[in-house]
Amino acid sequence: MRFHKLSLLKLVLTAFILTVLIMISCQKPGKNLSWESDILVPLIHSSLGVDDIFTDSLLVENPDQSFKLVLDQKINTMDNNALIEVHDTIAEDVFNVNIPVPFKLNPGQKILEKNTDFMMKLGDVRLSKAKAKKAILKFLVISNFKQPMRVKYKVLSSEKNSIPFEITDDIPAAAAGSEVKLIREIDLSGYNIDFTGLNHNSINTIRSSTTIWISPNADTAYYSKADSITVTSIFDKLQLESALGYFGQKNQMIADSSILNTFQNFKSGSFSLENLSAELQINNYVGADFQVRINKITSANSSTGKQLDLNDAIVGRRLNILRASRTSDDISSITPQKYTYSLNNSNVKDLLMNMPDKLSYQIEYNINPLGNVSGGNDFIFADKSLEGNIHIEIPLKVKMDSLVIQSYSKINFDSESHIKSGYLNIYVANLFPFDVEIQFYVLDDHKNIVDSLLKENSISRHGTIDNNGIVIKATNDILRVKLDAELIQKLKTSKEVLIWARINNPQQKHYLLYQNYNIDIKLIVEANYEY
């Protein structure tokens, strides 16, 4: 909807009132002065164009100024987080005094320094390197020492800005016969992780270091074998930004849906397309082979409840997708494997004419169907994985059947004006190849309809169409609405008018839509004012 705020009413009335005041100032005492004047004031100038029928962002103008609709609907073909799941203990260090007789420990004395290589249980996944996109490490210390302790924990396998992660914390003294627990949740997001261990010849291995001291603030005390302290670290959540290794063999089912806004302007009715071209695109940015099977793609219209499934040879067929390649560790060096499958022989046109607001799908994929053919050199980046897309190009050669659209236009009908009588003149110029049934509704502040301007819907006939099916001249109509006291009061209190249009195609032909096609609408107040 394109509209202009053309309320000149206040300006005109101000000039008029100033004139009246000057005349009054010249009037002889005892005389009453009354003025009447006929004024034409634009109230609304609006238009309904092709972008009010189809979503503007999807329209592409051709060189001949006709329109086509270009749709790209993303399909989630895989869940990166489910590809490599990490939830495991990475280290557990226990210090026991374990001496039959009590012995003395001094404040600040180191009692444990230990490096640990811990191999995580990741099934047939074999990781060598990764970068954490989102990582939460739970750090748990349990102590029954009767003096405060100090613990330093370092993840030697991690690195951020060339510095490994470490944490140092003080543990309070435990009361007699009890223990104290310290739990920390540590954010390791953005850290690089080396899973190859001390000699860089392992997999799935985290190397860590634990150091324990008697706190410098402790008292000198004697300790027995009943005293102990346990330090445990667990990956509670690990989502990878990138990873290198072998990702195992896994079968996963994706059942998802996406919202379609293509037909959001359609309130009811239907339309028909003459032709279109459509294809399924699969781009593999992962350094691993896949087998993909599309089990179902469904077009769903929530208003009508109607659902249609895609009918094409690609449904249920296994698609072999080869791995991507790369020349460095940088994501920009990836060369994806790209596949295109035509949907031109499918019923995709029927799926679109269902005017869906949701597209749902079920997709199954297998990773590494032939096993570890890369020798542990699979790679993945979270921002570039296995991507699916349905690409559709539709020349907007269409036929409309009672297709309803609507739009809103601001008005500013002067609430202080003294209208004695008049008309609201509505000028409609139809440059579409379709008939348009039109109505105007006055709205309150909550967008509720309080009145209609026309007693019955008016039909604006299609423009003049030449032998090539192109509209060369608009059909013009003038509608006059009498301004009675009730309607005047409603217009004074309203800030918005709803323009309602039902588009019909009496010729039952498909017409190509052009950039200049629109319905131009002007509302002009022709009123008699009295002061």
Protein backbone atom coordinates (compact mmCIF):
# COMPACT_ATOMS: atom_id res chain seq x y z
CA MET A 1 0.00 0.00 0.00
CA ARG A 2 1.39 3.39 -1.00
CA PHE A 3 -0.39 6.40 0.49
CA HIS A 4 0.16 10.13 1.01
CA LYS A 5 -1.00 12.15 3.97
CA LEU A 6 -2.93 14.80 2.05
CA SER A 7 -5.01 16.33 4.81
CA LEU A 8 -5.15 20.02 3.78
CA LEU A 9 -8.29 20.54 5.77
CA LYS A 10 -6.68 22.37 8.69
CA LEU A 11 -4.67 24.64 6.41
CA VAL A 12 -7.70 25.60 4.35
CA LEU A 13 -9.88 26.13 7.42
CA THR A 14 -7.21 28.24 9.12
CA ALA A 15 -7.12 30.63 6.16
CA PHE A 16 -10.89 30.67 6.07
CA ILE A 17 -11.21 31.46 9.80
CA LEU A 18 -8.63 34.26 9.55
CA THR A 19 -10.71 35.81 6.80
CA VAL A 20 -13.83 35.52 8.94
CA LEU A 21 -12.08 37.14 11.92
CA ILE A 22 -10.98 40.07 9.77
CA MET A 23 -14.54 40.54 8.57
CA ILE A 24 -15.83 40.33 12.13
CA SER A 25 -13.39 42.99 13.24
CA CYS A 26 -14.87 45.29 10.62
CA GLN A 27 -18.47 44.45 11.51
CA LYS A 28 -20.72 47.07 13.10
CA PRO A 29 -21.73 46.39 16.72
CA GLY A 30 -24.90 44.41 17.19
CA LYS A 31 -24.67 42.49 13.90
CA ASN A 32 -24.28 38.64 13.74
CA LEU A 33 -22.06 37.30 10.94
CA SER A 34 -22.38 33.77 9.45
CA TRP A 35 -20.37 32.30 6.54
CA GLU A 36 -20.77 29.24 4.39
CA SER A 37 -18.18 27.89 1.92
CA ASP A 38 -17.82 24.88 -0.40
CA ILE A 39 -14.35 23.28 -0.14
CA LEU A 40 -12.66 20.32 -1.85
CA VAL A 41 -10.12 18.60 0.42
CA PRO A 42 -8.10 15.44 -0.46
CA LEU A 43 -8.51 12.85 2.29
CA ILE A 44 -6.67 9.78 0.94
CA HIS A 45 -4.50 8.99 -2.06
CA SER A 46 -3.61 5.32 -2.17
CA SER A 47 -2.95 2.49 -4.57
CA LEU A 48 -3.09 -1.30 -4.60
CA GLY A 49 -0.27 -2.74 -6.71
CA VAL A 50 1.19 -6.14 -7.50
CA ASP A 51 3.21 -5.90 -4.27
CA ASP A 52 -0.07 -5.80 -2.33
CA ILE A 53 -0.99 -9.16 -3.84
CA PHE A 54 2.38 -10.92 -3.60
CA THR A 55 5.08 -10.27 -1.00
CA ASP A 56 7.22 -7.39 -2.25
CA SER A 57 10.56 -8.92 -1.25
CA LEU A 58 9.93 -11.93 -3.53
CA LEU A 59 9.10 -9.94 -6.66
CA VAL A 60 11.71 -9.63 -9.40
CA GLU A 61 11.18 -7.26 -12.31
CA ASN A 62 12.05 -8.63 -15.76
CA PRO A 63 13.61 -6.48 -18.51
CA ASP A 64 10.14 -6.01 -20.11
CA GLN A 65 8.83 -4.73 -16.72
CA SER A 66 6.77 -7.85 -16.13
CA PHE A 67 7.12 -9.57 -12.77
CA LYS A 68 8.26 -13.00 -11.70
CA LEU A 69 8.12 -14.44 -8.21
CA VAL A 70 11.35 -16.02 -6.91
CA LEU A 71 11.07 -18.31 -3.88
CA ASP A 72 13.96 -19.86 -1.98
CA GLN A 73 12.73 -22.06 0.84
CA LYS A 74 15.45 -23.44 3.10
CA ILE A 75 15.13 -27.04 4.32
CA ASN A 76 16.98 -28.19 7.42
CA THR A 77 18.65 -31.37 6.21
CA MET A 78 20.74 -32.13 9.30
CA ASP A 79 21.20 -31.26 12.97
CA ASN A 80 24.84 -30.28 13.52
CA ASN A 81 24.55 -30.64 17.29
CA ALA A 82 23.26 -34.19 17.00
CA LEU A 83 26.07 -35.15 14.64
CA ILE A 84 28.67 -35.05 17.44
CA GLU A 85 27.23 -35.28 20.96
CA VAL A 86 29.60 -34.73 23.88
CA HIS A 87 28.42 -35.14 27.46
CA ASP A 88 31.10 -36.90 29.48
CA THR A 89 33.49 -36.68 32.41
CA ILE A 90 36.86 -35.41 31.20
CA ALA A 91 38.82 -35.70 34.47
CA GLU A 92 38.46 -36.97 38.03
CA ASP A 93 41.35 -36.55 40.49
CA VAL A 94 41.23 -37.74 44.10
CA PHE A 95 43.75 -36.96 46.86
CA ASN A 96 43.72 -39.17 49.94
CA VAL A 97 46.22 -38.85 52.78
CA ASN A 98 46.36 -42.65 52.94
CA ILE A 99 48.97 -42.74 55.75
CA PRO A 100 48.19 -44.79 58.87
CA VAL A 101 49.39 -42.11 61.28
CA PRO A 102 48.49 -38.39 61.25
CA PHE A 103 51.07 -36.05 59.77
CA LYS A 104 51.52 -32.31 59.66
CA LEU A 105 50.79 -30.05 56.64
CA ASN A 106 51.73 -26.40 56.67
CA PRO A 107 49.84 -23.41 55.17
CA GLY A 108 50.63 -23.02 51.43
CA GLN A 109 52.04 -26.55 51.14
CA LYS A 110 51.35 -28.33 47.80
CA ILE A 111 49.83 -31.76 48.30
CA LEU A 112 48.98 -32.80 44.70
CA GLU A 113 50.08 -31.94 41.16
CA LYS A 114 48.83 -34.35 38.53
CA ASN A 115 48.36 -34.42 34.74
CA THR A 116 45.54 -36.62 33.41
CA ASP A 117 44.72 -37.93 29.94
CA PHE A 118 41.04 -38.87 29.80
CA MET A 119 39.49 -40.53 26.75
CA MET A 120 35.84 -39.57 26.33
CA LYS A 121 33.23 -42.14 25.28
CA LEU A 122 31.96 -40.90 21.89
CA GLY A 123 30.91 -44.16 20.27
CA ASP A 124 32.45 -44.53 16.81
CA VAL A 125 33.20 -40.79 16.58
CA ARG A 126 36.95 -40.09 16.65
CA LEU A 127 37.75 -36.43 17.21
CA SER A 128 41.21 -34.97 16.81
CA LYS A 129 40.54 -31.21 16.85
CA ALA A 130 37.57 -28.93 17.45
CA LYS A 131 36.54 -25.40 18.31
CA ALA A 132 33.79 -24.92 20.88
CA LYS A 133 30.86 -22.78 19.78
CA LYS A 134 29.03 -23.24 23.07
CA ALA A 135 30.74 -25.15 25.87
CA ILE A 136 29.86 -25.46 29.55
CA LEU A 137 32.31 -27.26 31.85
CA LYS A 138 31.05 -28.28 35.29
CA PHE A 139 33.82 -28.13 37.87
CA LEU A 140 33.08 -29.99 41.15
CA VAL A 141 35.27 -30.15 44.28
CA ILE A 142 34.33 -32.23 47.35
CA SER A 143 36.53 -31.89 50.46
CA ASN A 144 36.35 -33.05 54.09
CA PHE A 145 39.61 -31.35 55.11
CA LYS A 146 39.20 -29.37 58.32
CA GLN A 147 41.29 -26.54 56.92
CA PRO A 148 40.66 -24.41 53.80
CA MET A 149 42.24 -25.68 50.56
CA ARG A 150 43.21 -24.13 47.21
CA VAL A 151 42.67 -25.92 43.86
CA LYS A 152 43.94 -25.03 40.39
CA TYR A 153 42.50 -26.86 37.41
CA LYS A 154 43.89 -26.40 33.87
CA VAL A 155 42.59 -27.87 30.60
CA LEU A 156 45.93 -28.39 28.85
CA SER A 157 44.16 -29.46 25.64
CA SER A 158 42.37 -26.12 25.33
CA GLU A 159 43.63 -22.85 23.89
CA LYS A 160 42.23 -19.39 23.32
CA ASN A 161 44.58 -16.64 22.16
CA SER A 162 47.40 -19.18 22.77
CA ILE A 163 46.48 -19.47 26.48
CA PRO A 164 45.02 -22.71 27.95
CA PHE A 165 41.98 -22.47 30.18
CA GLU A 166 42.57 -22.60 33.93
CA ILE A 167 40.66 -21.86 37.11
CA THR A 168 41.90 -21.40 40.69
CA ASP A 169 39.45 -21.53 43.57
CA ASP A 170 39.53 -21.61 47.39
CA ILE A 171 37.67 -24.39 49.19
CA PRO A 172 36.30 -23.59 52.68
CA ALA A 173 37.17 -25.78 55.64
CA ALA A 174 34.75 -28.62 56.36
CA ALA A 175 33.09 -28.92 59.74
CA ALA A 176 33.85 -32.01 61.81
CA GLY A 177 32.13 -35.10 60.37
CA SER A 178 30.96 -33.33 57.16
CA GLU A 179 32.21 -32.25 53.74
CA VAL A 180 32.01 -29.12 51.60
CA LYS A 181 31.11 -28.98 47.91
CA LEU A 182 32.10 -26.36 45.39
CA ILE A 183 30.39 -26.35 41.99
CA ARG A 184 31.28 -23.99 39.17
CA GLU A 185 29.85 -23.74 35.65
CA ILE A 186 32.61 -22.53 33.35
CA ASP A 187 32.11 -21.12 29.88
CA LEU A 188 34.63 -22.55 27.42
CA SER A 189 32.95 -21.07 24.33
CA GLY A 190 35.45 -20.04 21.68
CA TYR A 191 38.24 -22.34 22.91
CA ASN A 192 40.15 -24.58 20.52
CA ILE A 193 40.42 -28.16 21.81
CA ASP A 194 43.08 -30.71 20.88
CA PHE A 195 41.82 -34.27 21.40
CA THR A 196 45.12 -36.02 20.51
CA GLY A 197 46.61 -36.23 24.02
CA LEU A 198 50.21 -35.76 25.21
CA ASN A 199 51.95 -37.32 22.22
CA HIS A 200 49.36 -36.15 19.65
CA ASN A 201 48.61 -39.70 18.58
CA SER A 202 45.32 -40.27 20.43
CA ILE A 203 41.66 -39.46 19.74
CA ASN A 204 38.80 -38.15 21.92
CA THR A 205 41.35 -37.39 24.66
CA ILE A 206 41.34 -34.38 26.97
CA ARG A 207 44.57 -33.60 28.83
CA SER A 208 44.19 -31.71 32.11
CA SER A 209 46.23 -30.70 35.14
CA THR A 210 45.11 -30.56 38.79
CA THR A 211 47.09 -28.86 41.58
CA ILE A 212 45.99 -28.80 45.24
CA TRP A 213 47.51 -26.76 48.12
CA ILE A 214 46.76 -26.17 51.75
CA SER A 215 45.39 -22.63 51.72
CA PRO A 216 47.90 -19.93 52.73
CA ASN A 217 45.19 -18.80 55.18
CA ALA A 218 44.95 -22.23 56.86
CA ASP A 219 46.40 -23.18 60.23
CA THR A 220 49.11 -25.80 60.63
CA ALA A 221 47.27 -29.03 61.31
CA TYR A 222 47.61 -32.77 61.40
CA TYR A 223 45.87 -34.89 58.74
CA SER A 224 44.89 -38.56 58.67
CA LYS A 225 43.82 -41.09 56.05
CA ALA A 226 40.19 -40.12 56.67
CA ASP A 227 40.84 -36.78 54.95
CA SER A 228 40.32 -36.53 51.16
CA ILE A 229 39.54 -34.09 48.36
CA THR A 230 38.04 -34.97 44.95
CA VAL A 231 38.18 -32.76 41.84
CA THR A 232 35.88 -33.66 38.91
CA SER A 233 35.26 -31.88 35.60
CA ILE A 234 32.43 -32.73 33.19
CA PHE A 235 31.39 -31.36 29.81
CA ASP A 236 27.75 -30.55 30.52
CA LYS A 237 27.23 -29.03 27.06
CA LEU A 238 29.48 -28.91 24.04
CA GLN A 239 28.38 -27.54 20.67
CA LEU A 240 31.12 -27.42 18.11
CA GLU A 241 31.82 -24.49 15.81
CA SER A 242 34.17 -26.73 13.82
CA ALA A 243 35.60 -30.23 14.15
CA LEU A 244 38.12 -32.56 12.53
CA GLY A 245 38.28 -36.34 12.80
CA TYR A 246 35.99 -39.21 11.87
CA PHE A 247 32.32 -38.52 12.56
CA GLY A 248 31.25 -42.17 12.62
CA GLN A 249 28.23 -43.71 10.87
CA LYS A 250 24.93 -42.32 11.97
CA ASN A 251 21.35 -42.33 10.74
CA GLN A 252 19.21 -39.32 11.63
CA MET A 253 15.62 -38.34 10.89
CA ILE A 254 14.70 -34.67 10.54
CA ALA A 255 11.02 -33.72 10.92
CA ASP A 256 10.64 -29.96 10.73
CA SER A 257 8.61 -27.15 9.20
CA SER A 258 9.12 -23.58 8.07
CA ILE A 259 6.80 -20.59 7.81
CA LEU A 260 5.86 -19.29 4.36
CA ASN A 261 4.95 -15.61 4.02
CA THR A 262 4.55 -15.67 0.25
CA PHE A 263 0.76 -15.61 0.37
CA GLN A 264 0.24 -13.71 3.60
CA ASN A 265 -1.67 -10.91 1.81
CA PHE A 266 -4.34 -13.35 0.58
CA LYS A 267 -7.38 -13.36 2.86
CA SER A 268 -9.53 -15.75 0.82
CA GLY A 269 -10.19 -16.92 -2.73
CA SER A 270 -7.74 -18.61 -5.05
CA PHE A 271 -5.41 -18.08 -7.99
CA SER A 272 -4.01 -20.14 -10.83
CA LEU A 273 -0.48 -20.19 -12.28
CA GLU A 274 0.21 -20.92 -15.93
CA ASN A 275 3.71 -22.31 -15.44
CA LEU A 276 6.81 -22.29 -13.23
CA SER A 277 10.22 -23.88 -12.84
CA ALA A 278 11.32 -25.57 -9.61
CA GLU A 279 14.32 -27.49 -8.34
CA LEU A 280 15.68 -29.00 -5.15
CA GLN A 281 19.20 -27.83 -4.35
CA ILE A 282 21.53 -29.70 -1.96
CA ASN A 283 24.91 -28.18 -1.14
CA ASN A 284 27.32 -30.20 1.00
CA TYR A 285 29.91 -28.10 2.88
CA VAL A 286 30.79 -31.01 5.21
CA GLY A 287 33.92 -33.10 4.69
CA ALA A 288 31.90 -36.30 4.90
CA ASP A 289 29.75 -38.37 2.52
CA PHE A 290 25.98 -38.55 2.96
CA GLN A 291 23.02 -40.53 1.78
CA VAL A 292 19.88 -38.38 1.89
CA ARG A 293 16.30 -39.52 1.46
CA ILE A 294 13.34 -37.13 1.34
CA ASN A 295 10.36 -38.99 2.76
CA LYS A 296 7.80 -36.18 2.56
CA ILE A 297 7.31 -32.51 1.73
CA THR A 298 3.89 -31.08 2.57
CA SER A 299 2.19 -27.77 1.71
CA ALA A 300 -0.21 -26.72 4.51
CA ASN A 301 -2.81 -23.94 4.53
CA SER A 302 -3.86 -23.38 8.14
CA SER A 303 -6.88 -21.24 7.15
CA THR A 304 -8.49 -23.91 4.96
CA GLY A 305 -6.92 -26.92 6.68
CA LYS A 306 -5.89 -28.28 3.28
CA GLN A 307 -2.62 -30.20 2.96
CA LEU A 308 -0.90 -31.46 -0.20
CA ASP A 309 2.15 -33.73 -0.40
CA LEU A 310 4.83 -33.34 -3.04
CA ASN A 311 4.44 -36.00 -5.72
CA ASP A 312 7.78 -36.51 -7.48
CA ALA A 313 10.22 -39.30 -8.26
CA ILE A 314 12.69 -37.77 -5.81
CA VAL A 315 10.43 -38.60 -2.83
CA GLY A 316 11.67 -41.80 -1.17
CA ARG A 317 14.75 -42.02 -3.38
CA ARG A 318 18.24 -42.26 -1.84
CA LEU A 319 20.52 -39.45 -2.99
CA ASN A 320 24.28 -40.02 -2.74
CA ILE A 321 26.04 -36.80 -1.73
CA LEU A 322 29.85 -36.68 -1.90
CA ARG A 323 32.01 -34.85 0.65
CA ALA A 324 33.27 -31.27 0.33
CA SER A 325 36.97 -30.46 0.04
CA ARG A 326 39.13 -27.69 1.50
CA THR A 327 42.62 -26.25 1.15
CA SER A 328 43.10 -24.87 4.70
CA ASP A 329 41.49 -24.74 8.16
CA ASP A 330 39.57 -21.62 7.15
CA ILE A 331 35.90 -21.96 6.28
CA SER A 332 36.39 -19.80 3.18
CA SER A 333 38.61 -22.47 1.62
CA ILE A 334 35.78 -25.03 1.40
CA THR A 335 34.67 -26.20 -2.05
CA PRO A 336 31.18 -27.68 -1.58
CA GLN A 337 29.58 -30.48 -3.55
CA LYS A 338 26.45 -29.07 -5.22
CA TYR A 339 23.51 -31.06 -6.53
CA THR A 340 20.37 -29.92 -8.37
CA TYR A 341 17.24 -32.03 -8.89
CA SER A 342 14.46 -30.79 -11.17
CA LEU A 343 10.90 -30.67 -9.79
CA ASN A 344 9.33 -29.52 -13.06
CA ASN A 345 7.48 -32.82 -13.53
CA SER A 346 6.05 -32.73 -10.02
CA ASN A 347 2.85 -31.25 -8.59
CA VAL A 348 4.75 -28.33 -7.04
CA LYS A 349 2.42 -25.89 -8.85
CA ASP A 350 -0.55 -27.40 -6.97
CA LEU A 351 1.39 -27.09 -3.71
CA LEU A 352 1.79 -23.35 -4.33
CA MET A 353 -1.81 -22.79 -5.44
CA ASN A 354 -2.80 -24.27 -2.09
CA MET A 355 -1.53 -20.89 -0.76
CA PRO A 356 0.43 -22.54 2.08
CA ASP A 357 1.59 -20.69 5.17
CA LYS A 358 3.70 -23.64 6.28
CA LEU A 359 5.95 -26.16 4.57
CA SER A 360 6.68 -29.32 6.54
CA TYR A 361 9.09 -32.07 5.64
CA GLN A 362 10.61 -35.36 6.77
CA ILE A 363 14.20 -36.06 5.71
CA GLU A 364 16.48 -38.97 6.59
CA TYR A 365 20.22 -38.94 6.19
CA ASN A 366 23.14 -41.31 6.74
CA ILE A 367 26.63 -39.95 7.31
CA ASN A 368 29.69 -41.84 6.08
CA PRO A 369 27.74 -44.74 4.53
CA LEU A 370 31.05 -46.26 3.37
CA GLY A 371 32.81 -45.84 6.72
CA ASN A 372 36.07 -44.03 7.53
CA VAL A 373 37.22 -43.48 3.95
CA SER A 374 38.88 -40.15 4.85
CA GLY A 375 41.29 -41.71 7.37
CA GLY A 376 40.05 -39.44 10.17
CA ASN A 377 39.95 -36.27 8.08
CA ASP A 378 36.21 -35.54 8.13
CA PHE A 379 35.55 -31.85 8.81
CA ILE A 380 32.57 -29.69 9.62
CA PHE A 381 31.82 -26.02 10.30
CA ALA A 382 28.60 -25.16 12.12
CA ASP A 383 27.88 -22.20 9.83
CA LYS A 384 28.24 -24.27 6.66
CA SER A 385 26.93 -27.82 6.72
CA LEU A 386 24.55 -29.89 4.59
CA GLU A 387 22.11 -27.35 3.17
CA GLY A 388 18.83 -27.95 1.36
CA ASN A 389 16.79 -25.42 -0.58
CA ILE A 390 13.73 -25.45 -2.84
CA HIS A 391 14.20 -22.83 -5.56
CA ILE A 392 11.12 -21.77 -7.55
CA GLU A 393 10.76 -19.15 -10.28
CA ILE A 394 7.22 -18.19 -11.25
CA PRO A 395 6.40 -15.88 -14.16
CA LEU A 396 3.47 -13.94 -12.76
CA LYS A 397 1.06 -15.00 -15.48
CA VAL A 398 -1.93 -15.67 -13.28
CA LYS A 399 -5.66 -16.05 -13.10
CA MET A 400 -7.60 -14.81 -10.07
CA ASP A 401 -10.82 -16.22 -8.62
CA SER A 402 -12.41 -14.15 -5.82
CA LEU A 403 -8.96 -13.45 -4.39
CA VAL A 404 -9.34 -11.06 -1.45
CA ILE A 405 -6.62 -8.64 -0.39
CA GLN A 406 -6.79 -5.68 1.94
CA SER A 407 -4.70 -2.80 3.14
CA TYR A 408 -4.85 0.12 5.54
CA SER A 409 -4.65 3.85 4.84
CA LYS A 410 -4.24 6.68 7.34
CA ILE A 411 -6.77 9.53 7.38
CA ASN A 412 -6.87 12.81 9.26
CA PHE A 413 -10.43 14.11 9.12
CA ASP A 414 -10.35 17.35 11.14
CA SER A 415 -12.31 16.73 14.35
CA GLU A 416 -12.89 20.48 14.84
CA SER A 417 -14.40 21.16 11.40
CA HIS A 418 -18.01 22.39 11.10
CA ILE A 419 -19.31 20.47 8.10
CA LYS A 420 -22.86 21.40 7.21
CA SER A 421 -23.28 18.94 4.33
CA GLY A 422 -21.37 17.38 1.50
CA TYR A 423 -20.08 14.29 -0.26
CA LEU A 424 -17.12 12.01 -0.17
CA ASN A 425 -16.01 11.51 -3.77
CA ILE A 426 -14.13 8.25 -4.42
CA TYR A 427 -12.07 8.04 -7.62
CA VAL A 428 -10.98 4.54 -8.68
CA ALA A 429 -8.69 3.92 -11.68
CA ASN A 430 -8.22 0.19 -12.44
CA LEU A 431 -5.12 -0.64 -14.49
CA PHE A 432 -5.32 -4.38 -13.77
CA PRO A 433 -6.54 -6.96 -16.31
CA PHE A 434 -8.96 -8.14 -13.61
CA ASP A 435 -12.25 -6.83 -12.25
CA VAL A 436 -11.96 -5.55 -8.71
CA GLU A 437 -14.82 -5.47 -6.22
CA ILE A 438 -14.02 -2.79 -3.66
CA GLN A 439 -15.22 -1.52 -0.28
CA PHE A 440 -13.94 0.94 2.32
CA TYR A 441 -14.34 0.40 6.06
CA VAL A 442 -14.00 3.04 8.77
CA LEU A 443 -12.00 1.68 11.75
CA ASP A 444 -11.77 2.61 15.39
CA ASP A 445 -8.51 2.87 17.35
CA HIS A 446 -8.47 -0.95 17.79
CA LYS A 447 -8.89 -1.60 14.04
CA ASN A 448 -12.51 -2.71 14.56
CA ILE A 449 -14.90 -1.90 11.71
CA VAL A 450 -17.42 0.77 12.74
CA ASP A 451 -18.97 1.51 9.33
CA SER A 452 -18.59 1.05 5.57
CA LEU A 453 -18.42 3.96 3.15
CA LEU A 454 -20.39 2.21 0.41
CA LYS A 455 -23.87 0.76 0.90
CA GLU A 456 -22.79 -2.16 -1.26
CA ASN A 457 -19.50 -3.23 -2.79
CA SER A 458 -18.61 -1.43 -6.00
CA ILE A 459 -17.11 -3.27 -8.99
CA SER A 460 -14.36 -1.58 -10.97
CA ARG A 461 -14.01 -3.23 -14.36
CA HIS A 462 -10.65 -4.28 -15.72
CA GLY A 463 -8.59 -1.89 -17.83
CA THR A 464 -8.49 -1.90 -21.63
CA ILE A 465 -6.54 -4.98 -22.79
CA ASP A 466 -4.78 -5.09 -26.17
CA ASN A 467 -4.27 -8.11 -28.42
CA ASN A 468 -1.07 -9.01 -26.55
CA GLY A 469 -2.91 -9.28 -23.24
CA ILE A 470 -1.40 -6.04 -21.90
CA VAL A 471 -3.50 -3.36 -20.19
CA ILE A 472 -3.02 -0.09 -22.11
CA LYS A 473 -5.64 2.09 -20.41
CA ALA A 474 -7.22 2.26 -16.96
CA THR A 475 -10.97 2.06 -16.33
CA ASN A 476 -12.08 5.07 -14.27
CA ASP A 477 -15.00 5.15 -11.84
CA ILE A 478 -16.35 7.88 -9.57
CA LEU A 479 -18.35 6.96 -6.46
CA ARG A 480 -20.20 9.55 -4.38
CA VAL A 481 -20.96 8.98 -0.72
CA LYS A 482 -23.32 11.39 1.05
CA LEU A 483 -21.84 12.75 4.26
CA ASP A 484 -24.57 12.57 6.89
CA ALA A 485 -24.05 13.60 10.51
CA GLU A 486 -23.43 10.03 11.71
CA LEU A 487 -20.75 9.27 9.09
CA ILE A 488 -19.09 12.67 9.63
CA GLN A 489 -18.77 11.95 13.35
CA LYS A 490 -17.26 8.50 12.67
CA LEU A 491 -14.72 9.95 10.25
CA LYS A 492 -13.76 12.61 12.81
CA THR A 493 -12.92 9.94 15.41
CA SER A 494 -11.22 7.51 13.02
CA LYS A 495 -7.56 7.49 12.10
CA GLU A 496 -7.59 4.69 9.55
CA VAL A 497 -9.61 3.22 6.70
CA LEU A 498 -9.45 -0.41 5.58
CA ILE A 499 -9.43 -0.83 1.82
CA TRP A 500 -10.93 -4.22 0.93
CA ALA A 501 -10.67 -5.66 -2.59
CA ARG A 502 -11.84 -8.89 -4.21
CA ILE A 503 -10.08 -9.65 -7.51
CA ASN A 504 -11.90 -11.64 -10.19
CA ASN A 505 -10.97 -12.81 -13.66
CA PRO A 506 -14.19 -12.92 -15.75
CA GLN A 507 -12.23 -13.72 -18.93
CA GLN A 508 -10.86 -16.88 -17.26
CA LYS A 509 -7.48 -16.21 -18.85
CA HIS A 510 -3.97 -16.02 -17.44
CA TYR A 511 -2.48 -12.53 -17.62
CA LEU A 512 1.10 -11.47 -17.08
CA LEU A 513 1.43 -8.84 -14.35
CA TYR A 514 3.52 -5.72 -15.01
CA GLN A 515 5.22 -3.16 -12.79
CA ASN A 516 2.75 -0.36 -13.60
CA TYR A 517 -0.41 -2.36 -12.86
CA ASN A 518 -2.34 -0.95 -9.92
CA ILE A 519 -5.63 0.38 -8.65
CA ASP A 520 -5.31 4.10 -7.96
CA ILE A 521 -7.68 5.39 -5.28
CA LYS A 522 -8.47 8.95 -4.23
CA LEU A 523 -10.94 10.04 -1.56
CA ILE A 524 -11.82 13.75 -1.72
CA VAL A 525 -14.13 15.58 0.67
CA GLU A 526 -16.54 17.93 -1.11
CA ALA A 527 -18.22 19.71 1.78
CA ASN A 528 -20.06 22.85 2.82
CA TYR A 529 -18.60 24.46 5.96
CA GLU A 530 -20.43 26.87 8.22
CA TYR A 531 -18.91 29.25 10.83
